[in-house]
Amino acid sequence: MARFEDDLSTSMALVVDANPTSRSILVSQLRDFGMGSIVQCSRLADARRQLEYRSFDVVLCEQHFLGETTTGQDLLDDLRRNQLLPFSTVFIMVTAEATYAKVAEAAESALDGYLLKPHKGTQLGERLRQARVRKVSLQEIFAAIEAEDYEKAAGLCLHRFETKGKFWLYAARVGAELLLRVGKHVEAQVLYEAVVAAKTLPWAKLGVARSLLDAGQTAAAVSTLENLVREDPTYADAYDVMGRAQFELGKFDQAMATYKMASELTPASISRLQNLGMMTYYSGDRIEAEKILDRTTRLGLDSKMFDCQTLVLLAFARVESGDRKGVQRCRDDFARLIERNPDSLRHARLAKTVDALSSIQEHQFAQALDAVRTLIKTSKLPEFDFESASNLVALMAQLANKAIQLDEVESVVDTVALRFCTNRAMMGLLAGAAGAHAPYGERVQTAHTQILKFSEHAMSLSMGGNPRAAVEELLQHGQSTLNAKLIETAFLVLNRYSDKIADAGELNAAVQGLRTRFSTLTSKPSLGEQKRQAGGLTLRTGSSAAAKAALA
């Protein structure tokens, strides 16, 4: 009876190689091994589409493609970054490049194999067997992940690492990702540092930085990242995390420069190009942002990596530049996205924003005003998120720029700003969204200052020996503004001084109610929809349960 690692009769393979002779050889060798079915691609763009919409057991991909700026490694990184490559897929890079650096890069990116040309069929067969053996060896860990028992899976990984069992480095990486997922940032940091001590690897150092960042130690994270980038200036994932850290600190100019570097290192990466385009837009350079967002749309509209907020910002930029046909193209492109995602509430909501922009562009202001009024009615609902807030403020700014104003608009700007200005980064994004009408940006900044005053006064009460008054004040302002910073601060003060507050239980119930309704723990600044953390290892097996367990 054939062993699992040798039986390929029910498996499907994808061969990606621009050279027809080389591609033919690989296909012939796979058939000799008994591969069930084989799909061939000569271009990376075609391979991307195949891998986004179909599952393959084996992928053989050439590293370099003549005339293309992207590489096989870029394709692999993009797929993993966006959770589009199942764990069950064996991905083997095929190349004539035999330098140590490239082989080391392959090992560090958790690639399943690296095949150097020219090769014999037996060499390919051995790579396939080794990769499938690893899948079997780690099966218990991934079974626990599929069952969403992350604690058990992390424990299995730690045991494998501590005993230096088979594939212990890979298990350590998986385990650290699991610890980050369940919020155990310190434990994850310890594990990453243990890997660094045992065998210095860039992904482990990056993991330390991610753990520090998630734990709120931003300065330490930035220091670690600076050292990592200094050691390896071409490590694109490090720039991703550096940009995230700078972004959360509200240092948009630095974040934009960092995202630009990451995008230049991987010019075909849709997600990195999106980050750069969005950051450029919110930083106020609408002309350059329009160019980048347009390129992103042309490159990635048909990709699952594409974020529909890209189209929204592109439509805003085109309204400002007076590109009537361009705005219509955004509407047409959104119609295509809706056809592919008919059940997505987010797509439907953002499409309405683009429709409103089209109405403004066509001077159909009555329709635009109706759309804005509809959005205003939702602004105090729990599901009204920061993305909705920034788009609403931007729409109102566009109307004001056309000298079309609603009586209640200024108070709405204040309401939205008081709710979402939880830190400097959020304030900066919201003010950037209001760029078409400077007075609205100023109101956003004023609201942020007011939130800081609320917080500082409450903390002075707490430090002065009256924590109960501090919690009551924070709770009062939290209920009126729905600001996550105030609500979370009330929770922290209450927890710290609960033994000194007589009715702590009653206050705690009120605070917890607000935290739950308005998801205050997730109120962090982000560009577009949340994707997997840069530098992380995506864990999927292709099943629905595994999809839920993908590590972000």
Protein backbone atom coordinates (compact mmCIF):
# COMPACT_ATOMS: atom_id res chain seq x y z
CA MET A 1 0.00 0.00 0.00
CA ALA A 2 1.41 3.40 -1.01
CA ARG A 3 2.37 5.74 1.79
CA PHE A 4 0.49 9.06 2.00
CA GLU A 5 3.57 11.03 1.00
CA ASP A 6 4.03 8.90 -2.15
CA ASP A 7 0.40 8.62 -3.32
CA LEU A 8 -0.45 11.55 -5.61
CA SER A 9 -3.27 9.92 -7.58
CA THR A 10 -5.98 12.15 -6.11
CA SER A 11 -3.86 15.31 -6.00
CA MET A 12 -3.94 18.40 -8.22
CA ALA A 13 -0.84 20.37 -9.19
CA LEU A 14 -0.21 23.81 -10.66
CA VAL A 15 2.95 24.38 -12.72
CA VAL A 16 3.96 28.01 -13.27
CA ASP A 17 6.81 28.60 -15.71
CA ALA A 18 7.14 30.97 -18.69
CA ASN A 19 9.53 28.62 -20.51
CA PRO A 20 7.44 26.02 -22.41
CA THR A 21 10.27 23.45 -22.41
CA SER A 22 10.92 23.75 -18.68
CA ARG A 23 7.18 23.67 -17.99
CA SER A 24 6.77 20.56 -20.11
CA ILE A 25 9.57 18.79 -18.22
CA LEU A 26 7.99 19.55 -14.85
CA VAL A 27 4.57 18.38 -16.03
CA SER A 28 6.07 15.16 -17.40
CA GLN A 29 7.89 14.45 -14.13
CA LEU A 30 4.75 15.03 -12.08
CA ARG A 31 2.83 12.64 -14.32
CA ASP A 32 5.56 10.04 -13.81
CA PHE A 33 4.94 10.36 -10.05
CA GLY A 34 1.24 9.63 -10.62
CA MET A 35 -0.10 13.16 -10.13
CA GLY A 36 -3.88 13.06 -10.59
CA SER A 37 -4.38 16.30 -12.55
CA ILE A 38 -2.13 19.19 -13.59
CA VAL A 39 -2.87 22.81 -14.53
CA GLN A 40 -0.29 24.90 -16.37
CA CYS A 41 0.34 28.68 -16.38
CA SER A 42 2.96 30.71 -18.24
CA ARG A 43 2.30 34.01 -16.41
CA LEU A 44 2.21 34.92 -12.73
CA ALA A 45 -1.02 36.89 -13.20
CA ASP A 46 -2.74 33.73 -14.45
CA ALA A 47 -1.26 31.72 -11.59
CA ARG A 48 -2.52 34.28 -9.08
CA ARG A 49 -6.08 33.92 -10.38
CA GLN A 50 -5.86 30.11 -10.28
CA LEU A 51 -4.55 30.09 -6.70
CA GLU A 52 -7.10 32.62 -5.46
CA TYR A 53 -10.09 30.65 -6.67
CA ARG A 54 -8.95 27.00 -6.62
CA SER A 55 -7.12 24.76 -4.16
CA PHE A 56 -4.03 22.85 -5.28
CA ASP A 57 -2.15 20.13 -3.45
CA VAL A 58 1.17 21.00 -5.13
CA VAL A 59 2.49 24.19 -6.74
CA LEU A 60 5.74 24.26 -8.72
CA CYS A 61 6.61 27.86 -9.50
CA GLU A 62 9.56 29.41 -11.33
CA GLN A 63 11.27 32.18 -9.39
CA HIS A 64 12.13 34.55 -12.27
CA PHE A 65 9.93 35.58 -15.18
CA LEU A 66 11.62 37.46 -18.03
CA GLY A 67 10.05 40.86 -18.63
CA GLU A 68 8.04 40.84 -15.38
CA THR A 69 8.85 42.95 -12.33
CA THR A 70 7.33 40.39 -9.98
CA THR A 71 8.80 37.03 -9.01
CA GLY A 72 7.55 33.68 -7.82
CA GLN A 73 8.58 34.67 -4.29
CA ASP A 74 6.46 37.83 -4.57
CA LEU A 75 3.47 35.72 -5.56
CA LEU A 76 4.00 33.38 -2.63
CA ASP A 77 4.38 36.26 -0.16
CA ASP A 78 1.24 38.00 -1.39
CA LEU A 79 -0.82 34.82 -1.21
CA ARG A 80 0.34 34.05 2.32
CA ARG A 81 -0.05 37.65 3.48
CA ASN A 82 -3.68 37.59 2.39
CA GLN A 83 -4.52 34.08 3.66
CA LEU A 84 -5.05 32.65 0.20
CA LEU A 85 -2.68 29.68 0.33
CA PRO A 86 -3.96 26.67 2.30
CA PHE A 87 -1.61 24.90 4.70
CA SER A 88 -2.24 21.68 2.77
CA THR A 89 -0.64 23.14 -0.38
CA VAL A 90 2.98 22.17 -1.02
CA PHE A 91 4.71 25.18 -2.66
CA ILE A 92 8.08 24.48 -4.28
CA MET A 93 10.12 27.20 -5.96
CA VAL A 94 12.05 26.22 -9.07
CA THR A 95 15.02 28.35 -10.16
CA ALA A 96 18.50 28.39 -11.62
CA GLU A 97 19.66 30.75 -8.89
CA ALA A 98 21.80 28.79 -6.44
CA THR A 99 23.09 31.50 -4.12
CA TYR A 100 23.03 30.85 -0.40
CA ALA A 101 21.01 34.02 0.27
CA LYS A 102 18.14 32.87 -1.92
CA VAL A 103 18.08 29.38 -0.46
CA ALA A 104 18.12 30.86 3.07
CA GLU A 105 15.31 33.23 2.10
CA ALA A 106 13.25 30.28 0.95
CA ALA A 107 13.73 28.43 4.24
CA GLU A 108 12.87 31.49 6.28
CA SER A 109 9.66 32.17 4.35
CA ALA A 110 8.42 28.70 5.30
CA LEU A 111 8.65 27.58 1.69
CA ASP A 112 8.12 23.85 1.32
CA GLY A 113 11.00 23.31 -1.04
CA TYR A 114 13.56 24.93 -3.32
CA LEU A 115 14.54 23.09 -6.52
CA LEU A 116 17.62 24.21 -8.45
CA LYS A 117 17.81 23.83 -12.22
CA PRO A 118 18.84 21.62 -13.87
CA HIS A 119 17.32 18.89 -11.74
CA LYS A 120 16.49 15.22 -12.01
CA GLY A 121 13.06 13.74 -11.54
CA THR A 122 14.22 11.94 -8.42
CA GLN A 123 15.21 15.27 -6.85
CA LEU A 124 11.74 16.69 -7.43
CA GLY A 125 10.19 13.50 -6.06
CA GLU A 126 12.28 13.75 -2.89
CA ARG A 127 11.28 17.41 -2.36
CA LEU A 128 7.61 16.48 -2.68
CA ARG A 129 7.97 13.57 -0.29
CA GLN A 130 9.81 15.67 2.33
CA ALA A 131 7.20 18.43 2.17
CA ARG A 132 4.30 16.01 2.55
CA VAL A 133 6.08 14.30 5.46
CA ARG A 134 6.20 17.65 7.25
CA LYS A 135 2.48 18.13 6.67
CA VAL A 136 1.82 14.74 8.28
CA SER A 137 4.24 15.41 11.14
CA LEU A 138 2.45 18.63 12.09
CA GLN A 139 -1.05 17.28 11.48
CA GLU A 140 -1.95 17.10 15.19
CA ILE A 141 -1.16 20.79 15.58
CA PHE A 142 -3.28 21.82 12.63
CA ALA A 143 -6.12 19.54 13.66
CA ALA A 144 -6.27 21.51 16.91
CA ILE A 145 -6.27 24.77 14.93
CA GLU A 146 -9.15 23.55 12.77
CA ALA A 147 -11.05 22.70 15.95
CA GLU A 148 -10.28 26.27 17.11
CA ASP A 149 -8.49 24.90 20.18
CA TYR A 150 -5.67 27.40 19.95
CA GLU A 151 -4.40 26.80 23.48
CA LYS A 152 -3.86 23.12 22.72
CA ALA A 153 -2.24 23.88 19.36
CA ALA A 154 0.12 26.40 20.97
CA GLY A 155 1.01 23.88 23.67
CA LEU A 156 1.86 21.25 21.06
CA CYS A 157 4.05 23.76 19.23
CA LEU A 158 5.87 24.74 22.41
CA HIS A 159 6.51 21.10 23.26
CA ARG A 160 7.90 20.48 19.77
CA PHE A 161 10.16 23.51 20.11
CA GLU A 162 11.39 22.74 23.63
CA THR A 163 12.19 19.10 22.81
CA LYS A 164 13.74 20.07 19.44
CA GLY A 165 11.38 17.60 17.77
CA LYS A 166 10.96 17.22 14.05
CA PHE A 167 10.39 20.58 12.30
CA TRP A 168 10.82 22.41 15.61
CA LEU A 169 11.62 25.79 14.02
CA TYR A 170 8.48 25.69 11.89
CA ALA A 171 6.45 24.62 14.94
CA ALA A 172 7.90 27.54 16.90
CA ARG A 173 6.73 29.95 14.24
CA VAL A 174 3.24 28.47 14.23
CA GLY A 175 3.14 28.50 18.04
CA ALA A 176 4.18 32.13 18.28
CA GLU A 177 1.45 33.08 15.78
CA LEU A 178 -1.10 31.24 17.89
CA LEU A 179 0.03 33.01 21.05
CA LEU A 180 -0.31 36.37 19.30
CA ARG A 181 -3.78 35.39 18.14
CA VAL A 182 -5.02 34.64 21.65
CA GLY A 183 -3.50 37.85 23.01
CA LYS A 184 -0.51 36.31 24.83
CA HIS A 185 1.95 38.89 23.52
CA VAL A 186 4.57 38.39 26.23
CA GLU A 187 4.62 34.59 25.76
CA ALA A 188 4.90 35.05 22.00
CA GLN A 189 7.77 37.48 22.47
CA VAL A 190 9.60 34.96 24.70
CA LEU A 191 9.18 32.24 22.07
CA TYR A 192 10.39 34.46 19.23
CA GLU A 193 13.40 35.52 21.30
CA ALA A 194 14.17 31.85 22.03
CA VAL A 195 14.22 31.18 18.28
CA VAL A 196 16.52 34.15 17.76
CA ALA A 197 18.84 32.79 20.44
CA ALA A 198 18.76 29.26 19.01
CA LYS A 199 19.11 30.25 15.38
CA THR A 200 19.02 33.87 14.31
CA LEU A 201 16.31 34.22 11.67
CA PRO A 202 14.77 37.44 10.34
CA TRP A 203 11.20 36.19 10.78
CA ALA A 204 11.85 35.53 14.48
CA LYS A 205 13.23 39.03 15.03
CA LEU A 206 10.23 40.42 13.20
CA GLY A 207 8.01 38.32 15.48
CA VAL A 208 9.60 39.97 18.52
CA ALA A 209 8.75 43.38 17.04
CA ARG A 210 5.17 42.35 16.31
CA SER A 211 4.75 41.04 19.87
CA LEU A 212 6.06 44.31 21.32
CA LEU A 213 3.78 46.33 19.07
CA ASP A 214 0.70 44.29 19.99
CA ALA A 215 1.59 44.71 23.67
CA GLY A 216 1.66 48.49 23.26
CA GLN A 217 5.45 48.80 23.53
CA THR A 218 5.71 50.77 20.29
CA ALA A 219 9.08 52.43 20.95
CA ALA A 220 10.76 49.07 21.69
CA ALA A 221 9.12 47.59 18.57
CA VAL A 222 10.44 50.42 16.40
CA SER A 223 13.96 49.96 17.82
CA THR A 224 13.87 46.22 17.00
CA LEU A 225 12.59 46.95 13.50
CA GLU A 226 15.26 49.57 12.85
CA ASN A 227 17.95 47.02 13.75
CA LEU A 228 16.32 44.39 11.55
CA VAL A 229 16.08 46.73 8.55
CA ARG A 230 19.68 47.77 9.10
CA GLU A 231 20.74 44.11 8.93
CA ASP A 232 18.55 43.31 5.93
CA PRO A 233 17.40 46.38 3.96
CA THR A 234 15.47 44.18 1.51
CA TYR A 235 13.20 42.48 4.10
CA ALA A 236 9.84 43.83 2.91
CA ASP A 237 7.81 42.39 5.81
CA ALA A 238 9.90 44.43 8.24
CA TYR A 239 8.90 47.62 6.42
CA ASP A 240 5.24 46.56 6.64
CA VAL A 241 5.42 46.32 10.43
CA MET A 242 7.52 49.49 10.69
CA GLY A 243 4.90 51.35 8.66
CA ARG A 244 2.18 50.01 10.95
CA ALA A 245 4.06 51.21 14.04
CA GLN A 246 4.65 54.67 12.57
CA PHE A 247 1.04 54.80 11.44
CA GLU A 248 -0.29 53.98 14.92
CA LEU A 249 1.93 56.72 16.34
CA GLY A 250 0.36 59.18 13.90
CA LYS A 251 3.68 59.73 12.10
CA PHE A 252 2.07 59.61 8.66
CA ASP A 253 5.00 61.07 6.71
CA GLN A 254 7.34 58.41 8.08
CA ALA A 255 4.76 55.68 7.51
CA MET A 256 4.28 56.78 3.91
CA ALA A 257 8.03 56.69 3.26
CA THR A 258 8.20 53.21 4.79
CA TYR A 259 5.24 51.92 2.78
CA LYS A 260 6.85 53.38 -0.34
CA MET A 261 10.01 51.41 0.37
CA ALA A 262 8.03 48.17 0.84
CA SER A 263 6.13 48.81 -2.38
CA GLU A 264 9.34 49.50 -4.33
CA LEU A 265 10.82 46.24 -3.06
CA THR A 266 7.74 44.33 -4.26
CA PRO A 267 6.13 46.42 -7.06
CA ALA A 268 3.51 43.76 -7.88
CA SER A 269 2.21 43.47 -4.30
CA ILE A 270 -1.40 44.64 -4.34
CA SER A 271 -1.73 44.96 -0.56
CA ARG A 272 1.45 47.04 -0.21
CA LEU A 273 0.44 49.29 -3.10
CA GLN A 274 -2.93 49.79 -1.41
CA ASN A 275 -1.25 50.77 1.87
CA LEU A 276 0.88 53.31 0.03
CA GLY A 277 -2.06 54.73 -1.92
CA MET A 278 -4.31 55.07 1.14
CA MET A 279 -1.53 56.59 3.23
CA THR A 280 -0.74 59.08 0.46
CA TYR A 281 -4.42 60.03 0.24
CA TYR A 282 -4.86 60.63 3.96
CA SER A 283 -1.59 62.58 4.06
CA GLY A 284 -3.16 65.10 1.69
CA ASP A 285 -1.34 64.45 -1.61
CA ARG A 286 -4.46 63.69 -3.64
CA ILE A 287 -2.74 63.95 -7.06
CA GLU A 288 -0.12 61.31 -6.25
CA ALA A 289 -2.68 59.23 -4.35
CA GLU A 290 -4.94 59.12 -7.42
CA LYS A 291 -2.08 57.72 -9.51
CA ILE A 292 -1.23 55.01 -6.97
CA LEU A 293 -4.85 54.07 -6.26
CA ASP A 294 -5.57 53.89 -10.00
CA ARG A 295 -2.58 51.60 -10.53
CA THR A 296 -3.71 49.44 -7.60
CA THR A 297 -7.17 49.11 -9.13
CA ARG A 298 -5.85 48.20 -12.57
CA LEU A 299 -3.48 45.66 -11.06
CA GLY A 300 -5.73 44.10 -8.43
CA LEU A 301 -9.44 44.68 -9.09
CA ASP A 302 -10.00 41.01 -9.93
CA SER A 303 -7.91 39.80 -7.00
CA LYS A 304 -9.17 38.72 -3.59
CA MET A 305 -6.36 40.86 -2.18
CA PHE A 306 -8.09 44.02 -3.45
CA ASP A 307 -9.73 46.17 -0.77
CA CYS A 308 -12.85 48.00 -1.99
CA GLN A 309 -12.00 51.08 0.11
CA THR A 310 -9.32 51.66 -2.55
CA LEU A 311 -12.08 52.41 -5.06
CA VAL A 312 -13.82 54.74 -2.61
CA LEU A 313 -10.68 56.83 -2.08
CA LEU A 314 -9.99 56.79 -5.83
CA ALA A 315 -13.50 58.14 -6.44
CA PHE A 316 -12.92 60.92 -3.87
CA ALA A 317 -9.62 61.84 -5.54
CA ARG A 318 -11.27 61.91 -8.97
CA VAL A 319 -14.09 64.15 -7.76
CA GLU A 320 -11.47 66.59 -6.48
CA SER A 321 -9.62 66.52 -9.81
CA GLY A 322 -12.87 66.91 -11.77
CA ASP A 323 -12.49 63.56 -13.56
CA ARG A 324 -16.13 62.83 -14.41
CA LYS A 325 -15.42 59.74 -16.49
CA GLY A 326 -13.06 58.46 -13.83
CA VAL A 327 -15.77 58.63 -11.17
CA GLN A 328 -18.10 56.70 -13.47
CA ARG A 329 -15.41 54.03 -13.92
CA CYS A 330 -15.27 53.69 -10.14
CA ARG A 331 -19.04 53.07 -10.11
CA ASP A 332 -18.70 50.51 -12.89
CA ASP A 333 -15.84 48.75 -11.10
CA PHE A 334 -17.87 48.67 -7.88
CA ALA A 335 -20.74 47.05 -9.80
CA ARG A 336 -18.32 44.26 -10.75
CA LEU A 337 -17.25 43.85 -7.13
CA ILE A 338 -20.89 43.68 -5.98
CA GLU A 339 -21.59 40.95 -8.55
CA ARG A 340 -18.77 38.87 -7.06
CA ASN A 341 -19.72 39.70 -3.44
CA PRO A 342 -23.53 40.04 -3.46
CA ASP A 343 -23.86 39.26 0.26
CA SER A 344 -21.19 41.68 1.50
CA LEU A 345 -22.70 44.44 3.62
CA ARG A 346 -19.40 46.32 3.50
CA HIS A 347 -19.35 46.32 -0.31
CA ALA A 348 -22.95 47.54 -0.41
CA ARG A 349 -22.23 50.32 2.12
CA LEU A 350 -19.14 51.56 0.31
CA ALA A 351 -20.89 51.40 -3.07
CA LYS A 352 -23.45 53.90 -1.71
CA THR A 353 -20.60 56.26 -0.87
CA VAL A 354 -19.33 56.07 -4.45
CA ASP A 355 -22.89 56.63 -5.73
CA ALA A 356 -23.12 59.76 -3.58
CA LEU A 357 -19.81 61.00 -4.98
CA SER A 358 -21.11 60.44 -8.49
CA SER A 359 -24.17 62.52 -7.63
CA ILE A 360 -21.92 65.34 -6.42
CA GLN A 361 -19.86 65.12 -9.60
CA GLU A 362 -23.04 65.32 -11.71
CA HIS A 363 -24.33 68.26 -9.62
CA GLN A 364 -27.27 66.14 -8.46
CA PHE A 365 -26.97 67.60 -4.98
CA ALA A 366 -30.44 66.61 -3.78
CA GLN A 367 -29.54 62.92 -4.23
CA ALA A 368 -26.16 63.44 -2.56
CA LEU A 369 -27.81 65.16 0.40
CA ASP A 370 -30.29 62.30 0.78
CA ALA A 371 -27.41 59.81 0.84
CA VAL A 372 -25.54 61.84 3.47
CA ARG A 373 -28.65 62.16 5.64
CA THR A 374 -29.10 58.38 5.49
CA LEU A 375 -25.51 57.87 6.66
CA ILE A 376 -25.91 60.45 9.44
CA LYS A 377 -28.81 58.45 10.89
CA THR A 378 -26.46 55.48 11.42
CA SER A 379 -23.61 57.45 13.03
CA LYS A 380 -24.43 56.44 16.63
CA LEU A 381 -25.04 52.76 15.94
CA PRO A 382 -22.52 50.20 17.27
CA GLU A 383 -21.84 48.91 13.74
CA PHE A 384 -20.92 52.41 12.49
CA ASP A 385 -17.15 51.97 12.29
CA PHE A 386 -14.20 54.26 11.67
CA GLU A 387 -14.22 53.56 7.95
CA SER A 388 -17.86 54.68 7.76
CA ALA A 389 -17.01 57.74 9.85
CA SER A 390 -14.10 58.86 7.65
CA ASN A 391 -16.14 58.38 4.47
CA LEU A 392 -19.07 60.34 5.92
CA VAL A 393 -16.82 63.23 6.98
CA ALA A 394 -15.19 63.20 3.54
CA LEU A 395 -18.60 63.31 1.83
CA MET A 396 -19.72 66.23 3.98
CA ALA A 397 -16.44 68.01 3.20
CA GLN A 398 -17.03 67.52 -0.53
CA LEU A 399 -20.52 69.04 -0.23
CA ALA A 400 -19.17 71.97 1.79
CA ASN A 401 -16.50 72.49 -0.86
CA LYS A 402 -19.34 72.89 -3.38
CA ALA A 403 -21.04 75.39 -1.02
CA ILE A 404 -23.77 72.84 -0.27
CA GLN A 405 -24.29 72.44 3.47
CA LEU A 406 -26.84 70.88 5.79
CA ASP A 407 -27.78 72.78 8.92
CA GLU A 408 -26.78 69.86 11.13
CA VAL A 409 -23.47 69.01 9.44
CA GLU A 410 -21.10 70.79 11.82
CA SER A 411 -22.65 69.09 14.84
CA VAL A 412 -22.36 65.73 13.04
CA VAL A 413 -18.66 66.36 12.38
CA ASP A 414 -18.25 67.05 16.11
CA THR A 415 -20.22 63.92 17.07
CA VAL A 416 -18.22 61.66 14.78
CA ALA A 417 -14.89 63.21 15.79
CA LEU A 418 -15.63 62.93 19.52
CA ARG A 419 -16.43 59.25 19.02
CA PHE A 420 -13.46 58.24 16.91
CA CYS A 421 -10.59 60.54 17.93
CA THR A 422 -9.12 58.00 20.35
CA ASN A 423 -5.49 58.80 19.56
CA ARG A 424 -3.32 60.95 17.34
CA ALA A 425 -3.44 58.53 14.42
CA MET A 426 -7.24 58.32 14.37
CA MET A 427 -7.48 62.10 14.61
CA GLY A 428 -5.00 62.47 11.75
CA LEU A 429 -6.92 60.09 9.50
CA LEU A 430 -10.25 61.78 10.20
CA ALA A 431 -8.79 65.24 9.65
CA GLY A 432 -7.20 63.97 6.44
CA ALA A 433 -10.57 62.68 5.26
CA ALA A 434 -11.96 66.21 5.72
CA GLY A 435 -9.20 67.67 3.55
CA ALA A 436 -11.60 69.12 0.96
CA HIS A 437 -12.95 71.58 3.55
CA ALA A 438 -10.35 72.80 6.05
CA PRO A 439 -12.82 74.00 8.74
CA TYR A 440 -14.04 70.43 9.24
CA GLY A 441 -10.47 69.26 9.76
CA GLU A 442 -10.09 71.95 12.41
CA ARG A 443 -13.26 70.74 14.16
CA VAL A 444 -11.81 67.22 14.22
CA GLN A 445 -8.65 68.50 15.90
CA THR A 446 -10.71 70.46 18.43
CA ALA A 447 -12.72 67.34 19.28
CA HIS A 448 -9.49 65.38 19.85
CA THR A 449 -8.26 68.09 22.21
CA GLN A 450 -11.56 67.87 24.11
CA ILE A 451 -11.20 64.09 24.52
CA LEU A 452 -7.68 64.59 25.88
CA LYS A 453 -8.99 67.12 28.39
CA PHE A 454 -11.72 64.73 29.55
CA SER A 455 -9.15 61.98 30.04
CA GLU A 456 -6.59 64.17 31.78
CA HIS A 457 -9.13 65.62 34.22
CA ALA A 458 -10.42 62.16 35.14
CA MET A 459 -6.88 60.91 35.72
CA SER A 460 -6.14 63.88 37.96
CA LEU A 461 -9.15 62.88 40.07
CA SER A 462 -7.84 59.33 40.28
CA MET A 463 -4.31 60.42 41.20
CA GLY A 464 -5.81 62.81 43.76
CA GLY A 465 -7.39 59.93 45.67
CA ASN A 466 -10.91 59.91 44.20
CA PRO A 467 -10.96 57.01 41.69
CA ARG A 468 -14.73 56.65 41.98
CA ALA A 469 -15.25 60.20 40.69
CA ALA A 470 -12.76 59.50 37.91
CA VAL A 471 -14.65 56.37 36.78
CA GLU A 472 -18.01 58.18 36.97
CA GLU A 473 -16.70 61.09 34.90
CA LEU A 474 -15.11 58.81 32.31
CA LEU A 475 -18.29 56.75 32.15
CA GLN A 476 -20.43 59.86 31.71
CA HIS A 477 -18.26 61.21 28.88
CA GLY A 478 -17.90 57.71 27.40
CA GLN A 479 -21.69 57.33 27.21
CA SER A 480 -22.15 60.75 25.62
CA THR A 481 -19.30 60.51 23.10
CA LEU A 482 -18.98 56.70 22.66
CA ASN A 483 -15.23 57.30 22.61
CA ALA A 484 -13.29 54.04 23.06
CA LYS A 485 -10.36 55.75 24.81
CA LEU A 486 -12.59 57.12 27.55
CA ILE A 487 -14.47 53.84 27.95
CA GLU A 488 -11.29 51.78 28.16
CA THR A 489 -9.70 54.24 30.59
CA ALA A 490 -12.76 53.92 32.84
CA PHE A 491 -12.31 50.14 32.74
CA LEU A 492 -8.61 50.35 33.63
CA VAL A 493 -9.14 52.77 36.54
CA LEU A 494 -12.02 50.68 37.87
CA ASN A 495 -9.95 47.50 37.75
CA ARG A 496 -7.02 49.11 39.49
CA TYR A 497 -9.02 50.67 42.35
CA SER A 498 -11.99 48.27 42.59
CA ASP A 499 -11.21 47.56 46.27
CA LYS A 500 -11.55 51.27 47.06
CA ILE A 501 -14.87 51.79 45.21
CA ALA A 502 -17.97 50.68 47.12
CA ASP A 503 -20.25 50.16 44.13
CA ALA A 504 -17.54 48.85 41.80
CA GLY A 505 -19.76 46.00 40.60
CA GLU A 506 -22.51 48.34 39.40
CA LEU A 507 -20.03 50.63 37.66
CA ASN A 508 -18.29 47.65 36.10
CA ALA A 509 -21.57 46.42 34.58
CA ALA A 510 -22.10 49.82 32.93
CA VAL A 511 -18.53 49.99 31.63
CA GLN A 512 -18.58 46.41 30.32
CA GLY A 513 -21.87 47.10 28.56
CA LEU A 514 -20.29 49.96 26.62
CA ARG A 515 -17.14 47.96 25.87
CA THR A 516 -19.18 45.11 24.42
CA ARG A 517 -21.61 47.23 22.40
CA PHE A 518 -18.97 49.40 20.79
CA SER A 519 -16.08 46.89 20.53
CA THR A 520 -13.66 49.32 22.10
CA LEU A 521 -10.77 46.84 22.15
CA THR A 522 -10.73 46.77 18.33
CA SER A 523 -10.76 50.56 17.91
CA LYS A 524 -7.33 50.80 16.35
CA PRO A 525 -6.37 52.82 13.29
CA SER A 526 -6.10 50.80 10.10
CA LEU A 527 -5.94 51.30 6.36
CA GLY A 528 -8.84 49.51 4.71
CA GLU A 529 -10.02 46.12 5.87
CA GLN A 530 -7.91 44.28 8.43
CA LYS A 531 -5.61 41.74 6.81
CA ARG A 532 -3.07 39.31 8.16
CA GLN A 533 -0.24 40.89 10.12
CA ALA A 534 2.88 41.44 8.04
CA GLY A 535 5.54 38.89 8.83
CA GLY A 536 3.07 36.39 10.21
CA LEU A 537 2.62 32.85 8.98
CA THR A 538 -0.80 32.12 7.52
CA LEU A 539 -2.36 28.88 8.73
CA ARG A 540 -5.11 27.45 6.57
CA THR A 541 -6.06 23.95 5.51
CA GLY A 542 -8.70 24.85 2.98
CA SER A 543 -11.71 23.90 5.13
CA SER A 544 -14.20 26.40 6.48
CA ALA A 545 -13.02 25.75 10.00
CA ALA A 546 -9.48 26.40 8.99
CA ALA A 547 -10.48 29.57 7.26
CA LYS A 548 -11.82 30.81 10.58
CA ALA A 549 -8.58 29.78 12.18
CA ALA A 550 -6.38 31.72 9.79
CA LEU A 551 -3.99 33.72 11.86
CA ALA A 552 -4.21 37.42 11.32
